[in-house]
Amino acid sequence: MLVVGAFYFSGHTLSLSTAVSAESTQELLKAYATKDTDGDGLPDWEETLYGTDPNNAHSVRPSLTDSQAVAQGLATPQYQNTAAATQTGSGSPKTVSVPGPTAAPGSITDQFSQLFFSTYMNQRGDTPPSADQMQTFVQSAISELEASRVHPPAYSTSDMNVKGQGADVLKAYATGMDKAFTENTVTLPYDELTYFSDAVEKNDTTALSHVQQIGTAYVKIAQAAAKVPVPTEAATAHLAVVNAMAALGGAITDMAAVNQDPIRAMLGLQEYSGDVAQFSSALQAMNAVFASASVTLTETDPGHSFFNLTNVAATQAAAATTP
């Protein structure tokens, strides 16, 4: 099913990027999860867990690849979270013993590494767990972590500015939403998935900053949109639009944290397609509100850009369900 992708302003016209499928984000997630810059058999994001160098296949011992060192128990999970270490009774934080980046203290990856280390020590016995056993644990733990990540809605009904009703108030609402977008969006030639792909697959050092910009823009638009006066009949759909933008902004911001917190980025990318689908559904619901009030805005009318955004979402949804 096609879903609405990211959006941006070109001049004063709000437009949608190429619609993307959930499968495309899964392919990108797979590319990210399996990326192995130095070809040592240890994906880059896992190198962060062990503190090994993703650009040096032999950062532990010259005679071994880093994956072989991990398999032999010569490199163990690293973490820097003092509080977590103290709470679990594992003593002081484990320090990095090999040259390579480690996750930022307190990050999701850092917390995961501490859990990973505790499990590693409990399972290893006299010999280290096999590579397959460790990989099974990693996949299981990430799945559990994803399931436990419950994001409450950023906004509630009490945060909405509900005033009046009727076609004229709906038109004023669309104008207010246009203003929220125009004052907070960023103009970039590509969308967040393209930039994330460039960072992962092309090692583009500037791409992640653009991903961060887009994520921040979604969050700021949601903040501004929450203050826009909304007619009673559109309040429910408006709340859904605002919360969907906030959630999508959060997921995109998570994706930008590849270097500092790779597991956070992985979870953000995993959640991305679902958040985009929610945004699309919210826009469709708003389009239905406009239709019920017989409100139609032309290109010369104030508020047309937001109205058109909801219309495009509805049109794409209808096309996706047509045999």
Protein backbone atom coordinates (compact mmCIF):
# COMPACT_ATOMS: atom_id res chain seq x y z
CA MET A 1 0.00 0.00 0.00
CA LEU A 2 1.32 3.42 -0.92
CA VAL A 3 1.64 5.90 1.90
CA VAL A 4 2.28 9.63 1.95
CA GLY A 5 5.96 10.48 2.28
CA ALA A 6 7.69 13.58 3.57
CA PHE A 7 6.68 17.02 2.36
CA TYR A 8 8.34 20.33 1.78
CA PHE A 9 7.54 23.78 0.46
CA SER A 10 8.72 24.99 -2.92
CA GLY A 11 7.95 28.67 -2.98
CA HIS A 12 4.44 28.73 -1.53
CA THR A 13 3.24 25.37 -2.81
CA LEU A 14 3.04 22.48 -0.38
CA SER A 15 3.82 19.24 -2.19
CA LEU A 16 4.34 15.60 -1.37
CA SER A 17 7.46 13.66 -2.16
CA THR A 18 7.28 10.40 -4.07
CA ALA A 19 5.07 7.96 -2.19
CA VAL A 20 7.05 5.18 -0.56
CA SER A 21 6.11 1.66 0.43
CA ALA A 22 6.67 0.10 3.81
CA GLU A 23 8.82 -2.47 2.02
CA SER A 24 11.25 0.22 0.89
CA THR A 25 11.94 1.27 4.47
CA GLN A 26 12.50 -2.37 5.41
CA GLU A 27 15.06 -2.67 2.63
CA LEU A 28 16.82 0.42 3.94
CA LEU A 29 16.68 -0.98 7.47
CA LYS A 30 18.27 -4.19 6.22
CA ALA A 31 21.01 -2.22 4.44
CA TYR A 32 21.70 -0.29 7.64
CA ALA A 33 21.68 -3.39 9.86
CA THR A 34 24.07 -5.30 7.60
CA LYS A 35 26.45 -2.48 6.66
CA ASP A 36 30.03 -3.67 7.29
CA THR A 37 32.44 -0.91 6.26
CA ASP A 38 35.64 -2.83 6.95
CA GLY A 39 34.36 -6.25 5.84
CA ASP A 40 35.29 -7.99 9.08
CA GLY A 41 32.00 -9.84 9.46
CA LEU A 42 30.77 -7.50 12.20
CA PRO A 43 28.13 -4.94 11.13
CA ASP A 44 29.03 -1.34 11.88
CA TRP A 45 26.28 -0.87 14.47
CA GLU A 46 27.43 -3.97 16.37
CA GLU A 47 30.97 -2.61 16.39
CA THR A 48 29.59 0.17 18.59
CA LEU A 49 28.41 -2.46 21.07
CA TYR A 50 31.88 -3.94 21.33
CA GLY A 51 33.87 -0.73 21.02
CA THR A 52 35.66 -2.07 17.96
CA ASP A 53 36.62 0.10 15.01
CA PRO A 54 34.20 -0.14 12.03
CA ASN A 55 36.98 1.14 9.76
CA ASN A 56 39.60 -1.39 10.86
CA ALA A 57 38.92 -5.11 10.40
CA HIS A 58 41.66 -6.01 12.89
CA SER A 59 41.18 -3.46 15.66
CA VAL A 60 41.39 -6.08 18.45
CA ARG A 61 44.28 -8.21 17.22
CA PRO A 62 46.23 -8.00 13.95
CA SER A 63 45.90 -11.75 13.43
CA LEU A 64 42.10 -11.82 13.80
CA THR A 65 39.16 -10.05 12.25
CA ASP A 66 36.97 -8.26 14.76
CA SER A 67 34.17 -10.80 14.25
CA GLN A 68 36.63 -13.59 15.06
CA ALA A 69 37.74 -11.71 18.16
CA VAL A 70 34.11 -11.39 19.26
CA ALA A 71 33.48 -15.09 18.60
CA GLN A 72 36.50 -15.99 20.76
CA GLY A 73 35.45 -13.71 23.60
CA LEU A 74 38.34 -11.31 23.11
CA ALA A 75 35.99 -8.36 22.61
CA THR A 76 33.02 -8.05 24.95
CA PRO A 77 30.13 -5.57 24.96
CA GLN A 78 31.09 -2.09 26.15
CA TYR A 79 28.96 0.43 28.01
CA GLN A 80 29.36 3.71 29.86
CA ASN A 81 26.10 3.97 31.77
CA THR A 82 27.23 4.32 35.39
CA ALA A 83 23.70 4.43 36.79
CA ALA A 84 22.65 1.27 35.00
CA ALA A 85 25.79 -0.53 36.11
CA THR A 86 25.23 0.45 39.73
CA GLN A 87 21.56 -0.56 39.70
CA THR A 88 22.34 -3.99 38.33
CA GLY A 89 25.20 -4.56 40.74
CA SER A 90 27.67 -5.04 37.93
CA GLY A 91 30.18 -2.61 39.39
CA SER A 92 31.81 0.25 37.57
CA PRO A 93 31.11 0.91 33.90
CA LYS A 94 32.98 -1.33 31.51
CA THR A 95 35.69 0.70 29.80
CA VAL A 96 36.72 0.52 26.19
CA SER A 97 39.67 -1.82 25.69
CA VAL A 98 40.00 -1.58 21.91
CA PRO A 99 40.25 1.47 19.63
CA GLY A 100 36.83 2.36 18.28
CA PRO A 101 33.70 4.45 18.95
CA THR A 102 31.31 3.61 21.75
CA ALA A 103 27.74 4.76 22.29
CA ALA A 104 27.03 8.01 24.10
CA PRO A 105 26.46 7.55 27.86
CA GLY A 106 22.78 7.04 28.65
CA SER A 107 21.84 6.44 25.03
CA ILE A 108 19.60 3.55 23.97
CA THR A 109 22.63 1.80 22.52
CA ASP A 110 24.57 2.31 25.76
CA GLN A 111 21.73 0.84 27.83
CA PHE A 112 21.41 -2.03 25.39
CA SER A 113 25.15 -2.67 25.62
CA GLN A 114 24.93 -2.92 29.41
CA LEU A 115 22.10 -5.46 29.11
CA PHE A 116 24.01 -7.22 26.37
CA PHE A 117 27.10 -7.48 28.57
CA SER A 118 25.14 -8.88 31.52
CA THR A 119 23.52 -11.53 29.34
CA TYR A 120 26.84 -12.29 27.68
CA MET A 121 28.48 -12.96 31.02
CA ASN A 122 25.56 -15.09 32.23
CA GLN A 123 25.56 -17.21 29.08
CA ARG A 124 29.23 -17.67 28.35
CA GLY A 125 30.28 -20.10 31.13
CA ASP A 126 33.73 -21.50 30.37
CA THR A 127 33.46 -20.66 26.67
CA PRO A 128 32.00 -17.65 24.88
CA PRO A 129 28.57 -18.02 23.26
CA SER A 130 28.72 -18.81 19.55
CA ALA A 131 28.24 -16.08 16.98
CA ASP A 132 24.81 -17.52 16.16
CA GLN A 133 23.80 -17.44 19.82
CA MET A 134 24.90 -13.85 20.17
CA GLN A 135 23.10 -12.82 17.00
CA THR A 136 19.91 -14.52 18.19
CA PHE A 137 20.12 -12.59 21.43
CA VAL A 138 20.71 -9.29 19.64
CA GLN A 139 17.70 -9.77 17.36
CA SER A 140 15.47 -10.88 20.23
CA ALA A 141 16.54 -8.02 22.48
CA ILE A 142 15.97 -5.41 19.77
CA SER A 143 12.51 -6.82 19.06
CA GLU A 144 11.66 -6.63 22.77
CA LEU A 145 13.05 -3.11 22.96
CA GLU A 146 10.92 -2.04 20.00
CA ALA A 147 7.79 -3.57 21.54
CA SER A 148 8.45 -1.78 24.83
CA ARG A 149 8.87 1.63 23.19
CA VAL A 150 5.43 3.10 23.76
CA HIS A 151 5.21 6.72 22.68
CA PRO A 152 2.23 8.50 24.25
CA PRO A 153 0.62 11.13 22.03
CA ALA A 154 2.45 14.43 22.23
CA TYR A 155 -0.79 16.40 22.43
CA SER A 156 -4.22 15.89 24.00
CA THR A 157 -7.65 17.42 23.49
CA SER A 158 -6.92 20.01 26.17
CA ASP A 159 -4.02 21.31 24.08
CA MET A 160 -6.27 22.14 21.12
CA ASN A 161 -7.63 25.63 20.44
CA VAL A 162 -11.20 24.72 19.42
CA LYS A 163 -13.30 27.70 18.29
CA GLY A 164 -16.48 27.97 16.22
CA GLN A 165 -17.72 25.85 13.38
CA GLY A 166 -18.80 26.06 9.75
CA ALA A 167 -17.25 26.50 6.32
CA ASP A 168 -15.77 29.96 6.95
CA VAL A 169 -14.05 28.81 10.15
CA LEU A 170 -12.71 25.76 8.28
CA LYS A 171 -11.21 28.03 5.61
CA ALA A 172 -9.59 30.19 8.28
CA TYR A 173 -8.25 27.01 9.88
CA ALA A 174 -6.65 25.92 6.59
CA THR A 175 -5.00 29.34 6.33
CA GLY A 176 -3.64 28.98 9.85
CA MET A 177 -2.24 25.53 9.04
CA ASP A 178 -0.52 26.95 5.94
CA LYS A 179 1.17 29.51 8.17
CA ALA A 180 2.30 26.83 10.62
CA PHE A 181 3.94 24.94 7.76
CA THR A 182 5.52 27.90 5.94
CA GLU A 183 7.09 29.36 9.08
CA ASN A 184 8.68 26.12 10.27
CA THR A 185 9.48 23.89 7.33
CA VAL A 186 12.84 23.49 5.57
CA THR A 187 13.41 23.52 1.82
CA LEU A 188 15.66 20.66 0.72
CA PRO A 189 15.92 18.89 -2.64
CA TYR A 190 15.39 15.39 -1.20
CA ASP A 191 13.41 13.65 1.52
CA GLU A 192 14.59 12.03 4.74
CA LEU A 193 14.79 8.48 3.36
CA THR A 194 16.99 9.60 0.49
CA TYR A 195 19.34 11.39 2.86
CA PHE A 196 19.41 8.45 5.28
CA SER A 197 20.18 6.12 2.38
CA ASP A 198 22.99 8.43 1.25
CA ALA A 199 24.45 8.37 4.77
CA VAL A 200 24.30 4.57 5.03
CA GLU A 201 25.10 3.46 1.52
CA LYS A 202 27.23 6.32 0.19
CA ASN A 203 28.87 7.48 3.43
CA ASP A 204 27.66 11.02 2.77
CA THR A 205 28.87 12.93 5.82
CA THR A 206 26.38 15.79 5.35
CA ALA A 207 23.26 13.69 4.82
CA LEU A 208 22.45 13.04 8.48
CA SER A 209 22.36 16.76 9.24
CA HIS A 210 19.59 17.06 6.64
CA VAL A 211 17.71 14.15 8.23
CA GLN A 212 17.93 16.00 11.55
CA GLN A 213 16.69 19.22 9.94
CA ILE A 214 13.64 17.47 8.52
CA GLY A 215 12.85 15.74 11.81
CA THR A 216 13.12 19.02 13.69
CA ALA A 217 10.88 20.71 11.12
CA TYR A 218 8.10 18.15 11.65
CA VAL A 219 8.26 18.69 15.42
CA LYS A 220 8.16 22.48 15.07
CA ILE A 221 5.28 22.36 12.61
CA ALA A 222 3.35 20.16 15.05
CA GLN A 223 4.01 22.67 17.85
CA ALA A 224 2.77 25.57 15.74
CA ALA A 225 -0.20 23.62 14.37
CA ALA A 226 -1.37 22.74 17.88
CA LYS A 227 -1.99 26.45 18.49
CA VAL A 228 -4.05 27.02 15.33
CA PRO A 229 -7.76 27.71 16.05
CA VAL A 230 -9.73 24.71 14.79
CA PRO A 231 -13.51 24.39 14.28
CA THR A 232 -15.39 21.86 16.38
CA GLU A 233 -16.09 19.50 13.48
CA ALA A 234 -12.38 19.29 12.63
CA ALA A 235 -11.00 18.95 16.18
CA THR A 236 -10.60 15.16 16.17
CA ALA A 237 -8.92 15.05 12.77
CA HIS A 238 -6.72 18.02 13.68
CA LEU A 239 -5.49 16.33 16.87
CA ALA A 240 -4.61 13.25 14.81
CA VAL A 241 -2.68 15.37 12.27
CA VAL A 242 -0.70 17.17 14.97
CA ASN A 243 0.18 13.98 16.86
CA ALA A 244 1.12 12.19 13.65
CA MET A 245 3.52 14.98 12.70
CA ALA A 246 5.07 14.99 16.17
CA ALA A 247 5.54 11.21 16.07
CA LEU A 248 6.99 11.31 12.57
CA GLY A 249 9.37 14.08 13.58
CA GLY A 250 10.51 11.96 16.51
CA ALA A 251 11.15 8.92 14.31
CA ILE A 252 13.12 10.96 11.77
CA THR A 253 15.16 12.58 14.54
CA ASP A 254 15.92 9.10 15.88
CA MET A 255 17.11 8.09 12.41
CA ALA A 256 19.60 10.96 12.42
CA ALA A 257 21.32 9.54 15.51
CA VAL A 258 23.16 6.83 13.56
CA ASN A 259 26.65 7.77 14.75
CA GLN A 260 25.86 8.53 18.40
CA ASP A 261 23.13 5.97 19.05
CA PRO A 262 22.83 3.34 16.27
CA ILE A 263 20.12 1.25 17.94
CA ARG A 264 17.99 4.38 18.42
CA ALA A 265 18.39 5.03 14.67
CA MET A 266 17.42 1.45 13.91
CA LEU A 267 14.26 1.72 16.02
CA GLY A 268 13.38 5.07 14.46
CA LEU A 269 13.66 3.63 10.98
CA GLN A 270 11.60 0.62 12.07
CA GLU A 271 8.83 2.96 13.28
CA TYR A 272 9.03 5.36 10.35
CA SER A 273 6.68 3.67 7.89
CA GLY A 274 3.98 3.22 10.54
CA ASP A 275 4.22 6.89 11.52
CA VAL A 276 3.98 7.95 7.87
CA ALA A 277 0.87 5.79 7.49
CA GLN A 278 -0.67 7.47 10.55
CA PHE A 279 0.07 10.88 9.08
CA SER A 280 -1.58 9.85 5.83
CA SER A 281 -4.67 8.56 7.65
CA ALA A 282 -4.96 11.78 9.65
CA LEU A 283 -4.78 13.88 6.48
CA GLN A 284 -7.44 11.70 4.87
CA ALA A 285 -9.72 12.25 7.87
CA MET A 286 -9.22 16.00 7.58
CA ASN A 287 -10.02 15.85 3.88
CA ALA A 288 -13.30 14.15 4.77
CA VAL A 289 -14.11 17.05 7.11
CA PHE A 290 -13.55 19.55 4.29
CA ALA A 291 -15.70 17.45 1.98
CA SER A 292 -18.55 17.22 4.50
CA ALA A 293 -18.62 21.01 4.76
CA SER A 294 -18.38 21.36 0.95
CA VAL A 295 -15.19 23.36 1.36
CA THR A 296 -12.98 23.53 -1.72
CA LEU A 297 -9.99 25.85 -2.01
CA THR A 298 -8.38 26.85 -5.30
CA GLU A 299 -4.73 27.72 -5.86
CA THR A 300 -5.42 31.42 -5.34
CA ASP A 301 -7.26 30.89 -2.05
CA PRO A 302 -5.54 31.26 1.34
CA GLY A 303 -5.12 27.83 2.91
CA HIS A 304 -4.97 26.01 -0.42
CA SER A 305 -1.62 24.33 0.29
CA PHE A 306 -2.86 22.52 3.40
CA PHE A 307 -6.19 21.72 1.76
CA ASN A 308 -4.33 20.31 -1.23
CA LEU A 309 -2.13 18.19 1.06
CA THR A 310 -5.21 16.52 2.53
CA ASN A 311 -6.65 16.06 -0.95
CA VAL A 312 -3.48 14.40 -2.26
CA ALA A 313 -3.46 12.04 0.72
CA ALA A 314 -7.07 11.05 0.06
CA THR A 315 -6.41 10.61 -3.66
CA GLN A 316 -3.36 8.41 -3.03
CA ALA A 317 -5.32 6.27 -0.58
CA ALA A 318 -8.13 5.82 -3.07
CA ALA A 319 -5.68 4.88 -5.82
CA ALA A 320 -3.96 2.36 -3.57
CA THR A 321 -7.23 0.50 -2.92
CA THR A 322 -8.36 0.48 -6.55
CA PRO A 323 -7.80 -2.95 -8.20
